[in-house]
Amino acid sequence: MLVVVANDLPPAVRGRMKLWFIEPRANVFVSGVRDSLAKKVVNYLYKHCPPKSGLMIFNSSNTTPGYEIFGMGDTRKEITEISGLPLVIEKSAEPPPESQNSLMPEAQKPL
């Protein structure tokens, strides 16, 4: 299985992707292509997409951990590796809200 998430694809590339992929949301493509074709698609995307496309590619594989993650450009997501396991961290547009600790006495709570 191959999943491609992009910020913005060129129209020619997007049209080509629609040949083999289902597009459940704008610029999100999902397909069950074979591994050999998946590699060709990944190479095609790297060759024909500018860095501003912000590609995030998830590919199933037979090696541990069972998938590969590729990124190109500003993906609005960060790929990190924890104990050999590649993971995606969503970048937040705004800082997380400060949690109100209900165990803190009223006198000590910030105003």
PDB file of N, CA and C in Angstrom:
ATOM      1  N   MET A   1       0.853  -1.174   0.000  1.00  0.00           N
ATOM      2  CA  MET A   1       0.000   0.000   0.000  1.00  0.00           C
ATOM      3  C   MET A   1       0.894   1.230   0.000  1.00  0.00           C
ATOM      4  N   LEU A   2       0.466   2.227  -0.719  1.00  0.00           N
ATOM      5  CA  LEU A   2       1.195   3.480  -0.818  1.00  0.00           C
ATOM      6  C   LEU A   2       0.232   4.616  -0.539  1.00  0.00           C
ATOM      7  N   VAL A   3       0.615   5.503   0.383  1.00  0.00           N
ATOM      8  CA  VAL A   3      -0.194   6.672   0.718  1.00  0.00           C
ATOM      9  C   VAL A   3       0.678   7.901   0.510  1.00  0.00           C
ATOM     10  N   VAL A   4       0.171   8.859  -0.252  1.00  0.00           N
ATOM     11  CA  VAL A   4       0.891  10.099  -0.527  1.00  0.00           C
ATOM     12  C   VAL A   4       0.047  11.259  -0.007  1.00  0.00           C
ATOM     13  N   VAL A   5       0.647  12.087   0.844  1.00  0.00           N
ATOM     14  CA  VAL A   5      -0.002  13.286   1.361  1.00  0.00           C
ATOM     15  C   VAL A   5       0.857  14.458   0.914  1.00  0.00           C
ATOM     16  N   ALA A   6       0.228  15.444   0.275  1.00  0.00           N
ATOM     17  CA  ALA A   6       0.974  16.588  -0.244  1.00  0.00           C
ATOM     18  C   ALA A   6       0.302  17.887   0.172  1.00  0.00           C
ATOM     19  N   ASN A   7       1.102  18.939   0.274  1.00  0.00           N
ATOM     20  CA  ASN A   7       0.538  20.263   0.513  1.00  0.00           C
ATOM     21  C   ASN A   7      -0.051  20.823  -0.770  1.00  0.00           C
ATOM     22  N   ASP A   8       0.694  20.680  -1.870  1.00  0.00           N
ATOM     23  CA  ASP A   8       0.266  21.233  -3.148  1.00  0.00           C
ATOM     24  C   ASP A   8       1.020  20.529  -4.265  1.00  0.00           C
ATOM     25  N   LEU A   9       0.297  19.796  -5.114  1.00  0.00           N
ATOM     26  CA  LEU A   9       0.919  19.107  -6.235  1.00  0.00           C
ATOM     27  C   LEU A   9       0.705  19.888  -7.521  1.00  0.00           C
ATOM     28  N   PRO A  10       1.689  19.851  -8.437  1.00  0.00           N
ATOM     29  CA  PRO A  10       1.464  20.440  -9.749  1.00  0.00           C
ATOM     30  C   PRO A  10       0.311  19.704 -10.449  1.00  0.00           C
ATOM     31  N   PRO A  11      -0.496  20.404 -11.254  1.00  0.00           N
ATOM     32  CA  PRO A  11      -1.656  19.772 -11.901  1.00  0.00           C
ATOM     33  C   PRO A  11      -1.313  18.531 -12.730  1.00  0.00           C
ATOM     34  N   ALA A  12      -0.176  18.552 -13.437  1.00  0.00           N
ATOM     35  CA  ALA A  12       0.197  17.397 -14.259  1.00  0.00           C
ATOM     36  C   ALA A  12       0.477  16.166 -13.395  1.00  0.00           C
ATOM     37  N   VAL A  13       1.136  16.374 -12.270  1.00  0.00           N
ATOM     38  CA  VAL A  13       1.457  15.265 -11.366  1.00  0.00           C
ATOM     39  C   VAL A  13       0.176  14.752 -10.709  1.00  0.00           C
ATOM     40  N   ARG A  14      -0.689  15.666 -10.303  1.00  0.00           N
ATOM     41  CA  ARG A  14      -1.950  15.266  -9.668  1.00  0.00           C
ATOM     42  C   ARG A  14      -2.806  14.445 -10.626  1.00  0.00           C
ATOM     43  N   GLY A  15      -2.866  14.849 -11.887  1.00  0.00           N
ATOM     44  CA  GLY A  15      -3.615  14.084 -12.889  1.00  0.00           C
ATOM     45  C   GLY A  15      -3.040  12.700 -13.098  1.00  0.00           C
ATOM     46  N   ARG A  16      -1.720  12.613 -13.119  1.00  0.00           N
ATOM     47  CA  ARG A  16      -1.047  11.311 -13.284  1.00  0.00           C
ATOM     48  C   ARG A  16      -1.315  10.408 -12.076  1.00  0.00           C
ATOM     49  N   MET A  17      -1.319  10.990 -10.888  1.00  0.00           N
ATOM     50  CA  MET A  17      -1.561  10.214  -9.671  1.00  0.00           C
ATOM     51  C   MET A  17      -2.958   9.611  -9.664  1.00  0.00           C
ATOM     52  N   LYS A  18      -3.926  10.311 -10.254  1.00  0.00           N
ATOM     53  CA  LYS A  18      -5.308   9.829 -10.260  1.00  0.00           C
ATOM     54  C   LYS A  18      -5.485   8.586 -11.119  1.00  0.00           C
ATOM     55  N   LEU A  19      -4.482   8.236 -11.934  1.00  0.00           N
ATOM     56  CA  LEU A  19      -4.569   7.016 -12.740  1.00  0.00           C
ATOM     57  C   LEU A  19      -4.523   5.765 -11.868  1.00  0.00           C
ATOM     58  N   TRP A  20      -3.678   5.775 -10.818  1.00  0.00           N
ATOM     59  CA  TRP A  20      -3.475   4.584  -9.987  1.00  0.00           C
ATOM     60  C   TRP A  20      -3.973   4.736  -8.566  1.00  0.00           C
ATOM     61  N   PHE A  21      -4.338   5.929  -8.183  1.00  0.00           N
ATOM     62  CA  PHE A  21      -4.667   6.192  -6.788  1.00  0.00           C
ATOM     63  C   PHE A  21      -6.108   6.653  -6.623  1.00  0.00           C
ATOM     64  N   ILE A  22      -6.647   6.406  -5.443  1.00  0.00           N
ATOM     65  CA  ILE A  22      -7.917   6.988  -5.020  1.00  0.00           C
ATOM     66  C   ILE A  22      -7.559   8.264  -4.258  1.00  0.00           C
ATOM     67  N   GLU A  23      -8.324   9.318  -4.465  1.00  0.00           N
ATOM     68  CA  GLU A  23      -8.058  10.584  -3.780  1.00  0.00           C
ATOM     69  C   GLU A  23      -9.212  10.864  -2.814  1.00  0.00           C
ATOM     70  N   PRO A  24      -9.144  10.321  -1.570  1.00  0.00           N
ATOM     71  CA  PRO A  24     -10.245  10.511  -0.625  1.00  0.00           C
ATOM     72  C   PRO A  24     -10.415  11.963  -0.169  1.00  0.00           C
ATOM     73  N   ARG A  25      -9.331  12.721  -0.138  1.00  0.00           N
ATOM     74  CA  ARG A  25      -9.343  14.156   0.185  1.00  0.00           C
ATOM     75  C   ARG A  25      -8.408  14.837  -0.790  1.00  0.00           C
ATOM     76  N   ALA A  26      -8.510  16.130  -0.899  1.00  0.00           N
ATOM     77  CA  ALA A  26      -7.615  16.867  -1.788  1.00  0.00           C
ATOM     78  C   ALA A  26      -6.158  16.628  -1.395  1.00  0.00           C
ATOM     79  N   ASN A  27      -5.358  16.237  -2.366  1.00  0.00           N
ATOM     80  CA  ASN A  27      -3.921  15.994  -2.207  1.00  0.00           C
ATOM     81  C   ASN A  27      -3.579  14.870  -1.235  1.00  0.00           C
ATOM     82  N   VAL A  28      -4.499  13.927  -1.051  1.00  0.00           N
ATOM     83  CA  VAL A  28      -4.238  12.695  -0.300  1.00  0.00           C
ATOM     84  C   VAL A  28      -4.560  11.542  -1.243  1.00  0.00           C
ATOM     85  N   PHE A  29      -3.563  10.716  -1.539  1.00  0.00           N
ATOM     86  CA  PHE A  29      -3.720   9.637  -2.505  1.00  0.00           C
ATOM     87  C   PHE A  29      -3.414   8.302  -1.843  1.00  0.00           C
ATOM     88  N   VAL A  30      -4.257   7.295  -2.120  1.00  0.00           N
ATOM     89  CA  VAL A  30      -4.105   5.964  -1.528  1.00  0.00           C
ATOM     90  C   VAL A  30      -4.184   4.928  -2.641  1.00  0.00           C
ATOM     91  N   SER A  31      -3.269   3.957  -2.626  1.00  0.00           N
ATOM     92  CA  SER A  31      -3.281   2.912  -3.641  1.00  0.00           C
ATOM     93  C   SER A  31      -2.664   1.633  -3.088  1.00  0.00           C
ATOM     94  N   GLY A  32      -3.058   0.521  -3.662  1.00  0.00           N
ATOM     95  CA  GLY A  32      -2.515  -0.782  -3.295  1.00  0.00           C
ATOM     96  C   GLY A  32      -1.592  -1.316  -4.367  1.00  0.00           C
ATOM     97  N   VAL A  33      -0.769  -0.462  -4.971  1.00  0.00           N
ATOM     98  CA  VAL A  33       0.122  -0.877  -6.051  1.00  0.00           C
ATOM     99  C   VAL A  33       1.218  -1.797  -5.522  1.00  0.00           C
ATOM    100  N   ARG A  34       1.785  -2.599  -6.426  1.00  0.00           N
ATOM    101  CA  ARG A  34       2.885  -3.501  -6.068  1.00  0.00           C
ATOM    102  C   ARG A  34       4.112  -2.692  -5.657  1.00  0.00           C
ATOM    103  N   ASP A  35       5.021  -3.358  -4.955  1.00  0.00           N
ATOM    104  CA  ASP A  35       6.237  -2.686  -4.474  1.00  0.00           C
ATOM    105  C   ASP A  35       7.073  -2.112  -5.614  1.00  0.00           C
ATOM    106  N   SER A  36       7.174  -2.849  -6.722  1.00  0.00           N
ATOM    107  CA  SER A  36       7.990  -2.363  -7.836  1.00  0.00           C
ATOM    108  C   SER A  36       7.397  -1.088  -8.433  1.00  0.00           C
ATOM    109  N   LEU A  37       6.082  -1.032  -8.571  1.00  0.00           N
ATOM    110  CA  LEU A  37       5.434   0.171  -9.091  1.00  0.00           C
ATOM    111  C   LEU A  37       5.479   1.293  -8.058  1.00  0.00           C
ATOM    112  N   ALA A  38       5.384   0.947  -6.780  1.00  0.00           N
ATOM    113  CA  ALA A  38       5.445   1.971  -5.724  1.00  0.00           C
ATOM    114  C   ALA A  38       6.786   2.700  -5.772  1.00  0.00           C
ATOM    115  N   LYS A  39       7.879   1.979  -5.995  1.00  0.00           N
ATOM    116  CA  LYS A  39       9.195   2.618  -6.086  1.00  0.00           C
ATOM    117  C   LYS A  39       9.261   3.558  -7.279  1.00  0.00           C
ATOM    118  N   LYS A  40       8.656   3.150  -8.385  1.00  0.00           N
ATOM    119  CA  LYS A  40       8.640   4.007  -9.574  1.00  0.00           C
ATOM    120  C   LYS A  40       7.825   5.270  -9.315  1.00  0.00           C
ATOM    121  N   VAL A  41       6.704   5.126  -8.609  1.00  0.00           N
ATOM    122  CA  VAL A  41       5.873   6.286  -8.285  1.00  0.00           C
ATOM    123  C   VAL A  41       6.630   7.243  -7.368  1.00  0.00           C
ATOM    124  N   VAL A  42       7.311   6.713  -6.365  1.00  0.00           N
ATOM    125  CA  VAL A  42       8.090   7.554  -5.443  1.00  0.00           C
ATOM    126  C   VAL A  42       9.181   8.297  -6.211  1.00  0.00           C
ATOM    127  N   ASN A  43       9.888   7.594  -7.094  1.00  0.00           N
ATOM    128  CA  ASN A  43      10.928   8.244  -7.901  1.00  0.00           C
ATOM    129  C   ASN A  43      10.330   9.313  -8.811  1.00  0.00           C
ATOM    130  N   TYR A  44       9.164   9.045  -9.398  1.00  0.00           N
ATOM    131  CA  TYR A  44       8.483  10.014 -10.256  1.00  0.00           C
ATOM    132  C   TYR A  44       8.134  11.277  -9.456  1.00  0.00           C
ATOM    133  N   LEU A  45       7.612  11.081  -8.251  1.00  0.00           N
ATOM    134  CA  LEU A  45       7.240  12.229  -7.418  1.00  0.00           C
ATOM    135  C   LEU A  45       8.457  13.068  -7.045  1.00  0.00           C
ATOM    136  N   TYR A  46       9.551  12.407  -6.665  1.00  0.00           N
ATOM    137  CA  TYR A  46      10.764  13.150  -6.318  1.00  0.00           C
ATOM    138  C   TYR A  46      11.306  13.922  -7.516  1.00  0.00           C
ATOM    139  N   LYS A  47      11.155  13.362  -8.710  1.00  0.00           N
ATOM    140  CA  LYS A  47      11.687  13.994  -9.912  1.00  0.00           C
ATOM    141  C   LYS A  47      10.821  15.160 -10.393  1.00  0.00           C
ATOM    142  N   HIS A  48       9.486  15.041 -10.277  1.00  0.00           N
ATOM    143  CA  HIS A  48       8.586  16.011 -10.892  1.00  0.00           C
ATOM    144  C   HIS A  48       7.908  16.987  -9.927  1.00  0.00           C
ATOM    145  N   CYS A  49       8.155  16.869  -8.649  1.00  0.00           N
ATOM    146  CA  CYS A  49       7.515  17.771  -7.686  1.00  0.00           C
ATOM    147  C   CYS A  49       8.541  18.728  -7.098  1.00  0.00           C
ATOM    148  N   PRO A  50       8.209  20.020  -7.064  1.00  0.00           N
ATOM    149  CA  PRO A  50       9.118  20.964  -6.421  1.00  0.00           C
ATOM    150  C   PRO A  50       9.054  20.802  -4.903  1.00  0.00           C
ATOM    151  N   PRO A  51      10.064  21.285  -4.183  1.00  0.00           N
ATOM    152  CA  PRO A  51      10.064  21.156  -2.720  1.00  0.00           C
ATOM    153  C   PRO A  51       8.832  21.762  -2.046  1.00  0.00           C
ATOM    154  N   LYS A  52       8.225  22.795  -2.664  1.00  0.00           N
ATOM    155  CA  LYS A  52       7.044  23.406  -2.042  1.00  0.00           C
ATOM    156  C   LYS A  52       5.831  22.480  -2.049  1.00  0.00           C
ATOM    157  N   SER A  53       5.939  21.338  -2.741  1.00  0.00           N
ATOM    158  CA  SER A  53       4.836  20.368  -2.758  1.00  0.00           C
ATOM    159  C   SER A  53       4.608  19.754  -1.383  1.00  0.00           C
ATOM    160  N   GLY A  54       5.650  19.680  -0.580  1.00  0.00           N
ATOM    161  CA  GLY A  54       5.517  19.152   0.780  1.00  0.00           C
ATOM    162  C   GLY A  54       5.016  17.727   0.806  1.00  0.00           C
ATOM    163  N   LEU A  55       5.750  16.816   0.199  1.00  0.00           N
ATOM    164  CA  LEU A  55       5.324  15.416   0.116  1.00  0.00           C
ATOM    165  C   LEU A  55       5.623  14.635   1.384  1.00  0.00           C
ATOM    166  N   MET A  56       4.674  13.822   1.798  1.00  0.00           N
ATOM    167  CA  MET A  56       4.857  12.838   2.860  1.00  0.00           C
ATOM    168  C   MET A  56       4.351  11.524   2.252  1.00  0.00           C
ATOM    169  N   ILE A  57       5.239  10.532   2.142  1.00  0.00           N
ATOM    170  CA  ILE A  57       4.912   9.272   1.471  1.00  0.00           C
ATOM    171  C   ILE A  57       5.059   8.137   2.471  1.00  0.00           C
ATOM    172  N   PHE A  58       4.004   7.331   2.584  1.00  0.00           N
ATOM    173  CA  PHE A  58       4.006   6.151   3.446  1.00  0.00           C
ATOM    174  C   PHE A  58       3.910   4.934   2.536  1.00  0.00           C
ATOM    175  N   ASN A  59       4.863   4.006   2.669  1.00  0.00           N
ATOM    176  CA  ASN A  59       4.905   2.823   1.818  1.00  0.00           C
ATOM    177  C   ASN A  59       5.014   1.580   2.693  1.00  0.00           C
ATOM    178  N   SER A  60       4.144   0.607   2.452  1.00  0.00           N
ATOM    179  CA  SER A  60       4.261  -0.644   3.202  1.00  0.00           C
ATOM    180  C   SER A  60       5.472  -1.404   2.677  1.00  0.00           C
ATOM    181  N   SER A  61       6.134  -2.148   3.565  1.00  0.00           N
ATOM    182  CA  SER A  61       7.314  -2.909   3.158  1.00  0.00           C
ATOM    183  C   SER A  61       7.357  -4.226   3.927  1.00  0.00           C
ATOM    184  N   ASN A  62       8.191  -5.122   3.437  1.00  0.00           N
ATOM    185  CA  ASN A  62       8.334  -6.433   4.082  1.00  0.00           C
ATOM    186  C   ASN A  62       9.383  -6.428   5.179  1.00  0.00           C
ATOM    187  N   THR A  63      10.039  -5.306   5.377  1.00  0.00           N
ATOM    188  CA  THR A  63      11.060  -5.213   6.416  1.00  0.00           C
ATOM    189  C   THR A  63      10.475  -4.571   7.667  1.00  0.00           C
ATOM    190  N   THR A  64      11.136  -4.770   8.768  1.00  0.00           N
ATOM    191  CA  THR A  64      10.686  -4.183  10.022  1.00  0.00           C
ATOM    192  C   THR A  64      10.793  -2.682   9.930  1.00  0.00           C
ATOM    193  N   PRO A  65       9.867  -1.914  10.331  1.00  0.00           N
ATOM    194  CA  PRO A  65       8.642  -2.137  11.082  1.00  0.00           C
ATOM    195  C   PRO A  65       7.415  -2.408  10.217  1.00  0.00           C
ATOM    196  N   GLY A  66       7.601  -2.639   8.929  1.00  0.00           N
ATOM    197  CA  GLY A  66       6.466  -2.936   8.054  1.00  0.00           C
ATOM    198  C   GLY A  66       6.057  -1.758   7.180  1.00  0.00           C
ATOM    199  N   TYR A  67       6.754  -0.631   7.325  1.00  0.00           N
ATOM    200  CA  TYR A  67       6.464   0.529   6.490  1.00  0.00           C
ATOM    201  C   TYR A  67       7.692   1.430   6.402  1.00  0.00           C
ATOM    202  N   GLU A  68       7.660   2.303   5.399  1.00  0.00           N
ATOM    203  CA  GLU A  68       8.703   3.308   5.232  1.00  0.00           C
ATOM    204  C   GLU A  68       8.013   4.662   5.116  1.00  0.00           C
ATOM    205  N   ILE A  69       8.665   5.695   5.589  1.00  0.00           N
ATOM    206  CA  ILE A  69       8.137   7.051   5.478  1.00  0.00           C
ATOM    207  C   ILE A  69       9.182   7.904   4.777  1.00  0.00           C
ATOM    208  N   PHE A  70       8.742   8.611   3.730  1.00  0.00           N
ATOM    209  CA  PHE A  70       9.610   9.529   3.005  1.00  0.00           C
ATOM    210  C   PHE A  70       9.000  10.917   3.084  1.00  0.00           C
ATOM    211  N   GLY A  71       9.836  11.930   3.119  1.00  0.00           N
ATOM    212  CA  GLY A  71       9.347  13.298   3.130  1.00  0.00           C
ATOM    213  C   GLY A  71      10.172  14.168   2.214  1.00  0.00           C
ATOM    214  N   MET A  72       9.539  15.206   1.666  1.00  0.00           N
ATOM    215  CA  MET A  72      10.243  16.138   0.797  1.00  0.00           C
ATOM    216  C   MET A  72       9.633  17.529   0.961  1.00  0.00           C
ATOM    217  N   GLY A  73      10.465  18.525   1.202  1.00  0.00           N
ATOM    218  CA  GLY A  73       9.976  19.889   1.341  1.00  0.00           C
ATOM    219  C   GLY A  73       9.347  20.130   2.701  1.00  0.00           C
ATOM    220  N   ASP A  74       8.595  21.228   2.802  1.00  0.00           N
ATOM    221  CA  ASP A  74       7.907  21.570   4.052  1.00  0.00           C
ATOM    222  C   ASP A  74       6.620  20.779   4.125  1.00  0.00           C
ATOM    223  N   THR A  75       6.623  19.718   4.897  1.00  0.00           N
ATOM    224  CA  THR A  75       5.478  18.811   4.954  1.00  0.00           C
ATOM    225  C   THR A  75       4.470  19.170   6.034  1.00  0.00           C
ATOM    226  N   ARG A  76       4.760  20.176   6.838  1.00  0.00           N
ATOM    227  CA  ARG A  76       3.924  20.549   7.983  1.00  0.00           C
ATOM    228  C   ARG A  76       3.888  19.427   9.025  1.00  0.00           C
ATOM    229  N   LYS A  77       4.712  18.421   8.793  1.00  0.00           N
ATOM    230  CA  LYS A  77       4.833  17.304   9.731  1.00  0.00           C
ATOM    231  C   LYS A  77       6.320  17.000   9.870  1.00  0.00           C
ATOM    232  N   GLU A  78       6.683  16.432  10.975  1.00  0.00           N
ATOM    233  CA  GLU A  78       8.080  16.096  11.218  1.00  0.00           C
ATOM    234  C   GLU A  78       8.206  14.592  11.347  1.00  0.00           C
ATOM    235  N   ILE A  79       9.206  14.015  10.674  1.00  0.00           N
ATOM    236  CA  ILE A  79       9.474  12.583  10.788  1.00  0.00           C
ATOM    237  C   ILE A  79      10.554  12.415  11.861  1.00  0.00           C
ATOM    238  N   THR A  80      10.268  11.590  12.836  1.00  0.00           N
ATOM    239  CA  THR A  80      11.233  11.319  13.900  1.00  0.00           C
ATOM    240  C   THR A  80      11.369   9.814  14.055  1.00  0.00           C
ATOM    241  N   GLU A  81      12.428   9.388  14.689  1.00  0.00           N
ATOM    242  CA  GLU A  81      12.646   7.965  14.893  1.00  0.00           C
ATOM    243  C   GLU A  81      12.847   7.713  16.379  1.00  0.00           C
ATOM    244  N   ILE A  82      12.033   6.834  16.928  1.00  0.00           N
ATOM    245  CA  ILE A  82      12.127   6.475  18.337  1.00  0.00           C
ATOM    246  C   ILE A  82      12.332   4.967  18.416  1.00  0.00           C
ATOM    247  N   SER A  83      13.443   4.555  18.965  1.00  0.00           N
ATOM    248  CA  SER A  83      13.806   3.140  19.091  1.00  0.00           C
ATOM    249  C   SER A  83      13.730   2.416  17.752  1.00  0.00           C
ATOM    250  N   GLY A  84      14.164   3.088  16.681  1.00  0.00           N
ATOM    251  CA  GLY A  84      14.177   2.472  15.364  1.00  0.00           C
ATOM    252  C   GLY A  84      12.836   2.497  14.648  1.00  0.00           C
ATOM    253  N   LEU A  85      11.828   3.092  15.251  1.00  0.00           N
ATOM    254  CA  LEU A  85      10.490   3.146  14.672  1.00  0.00           C
ATOM    255  C   LEU A  85      10.212   4.547  14.132  1.00  0.00           C
ATOM    256  N   PRO A  86      10.094   4.708  12.802  1.00  0.00           N
ATOM    257  CA  PRO A  86       9.816   6.042  12.271  1.00  0.00           C
ATOM    258  C   PRO A  86       8.378   6.459  12.572  1.00  0.00           C
ATOM    259  N   LEU A  87       8.231   7.671  13.096  1.00  0.00           N
ATOM    260  CA  LEU A  87       6.924   8.203  13.464  1.00  0.00           C
ATOM    261  C   LEU A  87       6.766   9.609  12.912  1.00  0.00           C
ATOM    262  N   VAL A  88       5.519  10.062  12.801  1.00  0.00           N
ATOM    263  CA  VAL A  88       5.220  11.398  12.299  1.00  0.00           C
ATOM    264  C   VAL A  88       4.691  12.250  13.442  1.00  0.00           C
ATOM    265  N   ILE A  89       5.259  13.447  13.571  1.00  0.00           N
ATOM    266  CA  ILE A  89       4.802  14.393  14.577  1.00  0.00           C
ATOM    267  C   ILE A  89       4.100  15.526  13.849  1.00  0.00           C
ATOM    268  N   GLU A  90       2.853  15.778  14.208  1.00  0.00           N
ATOM    269  CA  GLU A  90       2.101  16.886  13.621  1.00  0.00           C
ATOM    270  C   GLU A  90       2.626  18.188  14.188  1.00  0.00           C
ATOM    271  N   LYS A  91       2.934  19.127  13.313  1.00  0.00           N
ATOM    272  CA  LYS A  91       3.336  20.453  13.767  1.00  0.00           C
ATOM    273  C   LYS A  91       2.078  21.242  14.073  1.00  0.00           C
ATOM    274  N   SER A  92       2.037  21.835  15.231  1.00  0.00           N
ATOM    275  CA  SER A  92       0.870  22.596  15.641  1.00  0.00           C
ATOM    276  C   SER A  92       0.972  24.023  15.129  1.00  0.00           C
ATOM    277  N   ALA A  93      -0.142  24.570  14.649  1.00  0.00           N
ATOM    278  CA  ALA A  93      -0.168  25.946  14.166  1.00  0.00           C
ATOM    279  C   ALA A  93      -0.124  26.922  15.334  1.00  0.00           C
ATOM    280  N   GLU A  94      -0.606  26.494  16.473  1.00  0.00           N
ATOM    281  CA  GLU A  94      -0.607  27.338  17.661  1.00  0.00           C
ATOM    282  C   GLU A  94      -0.108  26.522  18.840  1.00  0.00           C
ATOM    283  N   PRO A  95       0.429  27.166  19.852  1.00  0.00           N
ATOM    284  CA  PRO A  95       0.927  26.430  21.009  1.00  0.00           C
ATOM    285  C   PRO A  95      -0.230  25.721  21.722  1.00  0.00           C
ATOM    286  N   PRO A  96       0.054  24.581  22.341  1.00  0.00           N
ATOM    287  CA  PRO A  96      -1.013  23.878  23.045  1.00  0.00           C
ATOM    288  C   PRO A  96      -1.550  24.716  24.196  1.00  0.00           C
ATOM    289  N   PRO A  97      -2.832  24.594  24.479  1.00  0.00           N
ATOM    290  CA  PRO A  97      -3.394  25.382  25.586  1.00  0.00           C
ATOM    291  C   PRO A  97      -2.806  24.912  26.908  1.00  0.00           C
ATOM    292  N   GLU A  98      -2.665  25.859  27.827  1.00  0.00           N
ATOM    293  CA  GLU A  98      -2.154  25.508  29.146  1.00  0.00           C
ATOM    294  C   GLU A  98      -3.242  24.756  29.889  1.00  0.00           C
ATOM    295  N   SER A  99      -2.875  23.610  30.412  1.00  0.00           N
ATOM    296  CA  SER A  99      -3.870  22.822  31.136  1.00  0.00           C
ATOM    297  C   SER A  99      -4.040  23.388  32.541  1.00  0.00           C
ATOM    298  N   GLN A 100      -5.247  23.430  32.980  1.00  0.00           N
ATOM    299  CA  GLN A 100      -5.543  23.892  34.339  1.00  0.00           C
ATOM    300  C   GLN A 100      -5.490  22.683  35.263  1.00  0.00           C
ATOM    301  N   ASN A 101      -4.594  22.714  36.206  1.00  0.00           N
ATOM    302  CA  ASN A 101      -4.439  21.618  37.148  1.00  0.00           C
ATOM    303  C   ASN A 101      -5.521  21.746  38.212  1.00  0.00           C
ATOM    304  N   SER A 102      -6.456  20.801  38.205  1.00  0.00           N
ATOM    305  CA  SER A 102      -7.564  20.883  39.158  1.00  0.00           C
ATOM    306  C   SER A 102      -7.117  20.554  40.580  1.00  0.00           C
ATOM    307  N   LEU A 103      -5.929  19.982  40.744  1.00  0.00           N
ATOM    308  CA  LEU A 103      -5.450  19.643  42.068  1.00  0.00           C
ATOM    309  C   LEU A 103      -4.780  20.836  42.745  1.00  0.00           C
ATOM    310  N   MET A 104      -4.482  21.891  41.976  1.00  0.00           N
ATOM    311  CA  MET A 104      -3.832  23.066  42.529  1.00  0.00           C
ATOM    312  C   MET A 104      -4.864  23.898  43.304  1.00  0.00           C
ATOM    313  N   PRO A 105      -4.546  24.297  44.535  1.00  0.00           N
ATOM    314  CA  PRO A 105      -5.484  25.122  45.299  1.00  0.00           C
ATOM    315  C   PRO A 105      -5.768  26.435  44.578  1.00  0.00           C
ATOM    316  N   GLU A 106      -6.945  26.981  44.805  1.00  0.00           N
ATOM    317  CA  GLU A 106      -7.398  28.215  44.138  1.00  0.00           C
ATOM    318  C   GLU A 106      -6.420  29.356  44.368  1.00  0.00           C
ATOM    319  N   ALA A 107      -5.823  29.446  45.543  1.00  0.00           N
ATOM    320  CA  ALA A 107      -4.928  30.543  45.856  1.00  0.00           C
ATOM    321  C   ALA A 107      -3.663  30.508  45.007  1.00  0.00           C
ATOM    322  N   GLN A 108      -3.236  29.316  44.570  1.00  0.00           N
ATOM    323  CA  GLN A 108      -1.999  29.175  43.811  1.00  0.00           C
ATOM    324  C   GLN A 108      -2.217  29.204  42.301  1.00  0.00           C
ATOM    325  N   LYS A 109      -3.465  29.142  41.840  1.00  0.00           N
ATOM    326  CA  LYS A 109      -3.726  29.149  40.393  1.00  0.00           C
ATOM    327  C   LYS A 109      -3.388  30.497  39.803  1.00  0.00           C
ATOM    328  N   PRO A 110      -2.722  30.498  38.625  1.00  0.00           N
ATOM    329  CA  PRO A 110      -2.400  31.779  37.984  1.00  0.00           C
ATOM    330  C   PRO A 110      -3.675  32.470  37.517  1.00  0.00           C
ATOM    331  N   LEU A 111      -3.627  33.796  37.484  1.00  0.00           N
ATOM    332  CA  LEU A 111      -4.790  34.569  37.054  1.00  0.00           C
ATOM    333  C   LEU A 111      -4.836  34.743  35.585  1.00  0.00           C
TER     334      LEU A 111
END
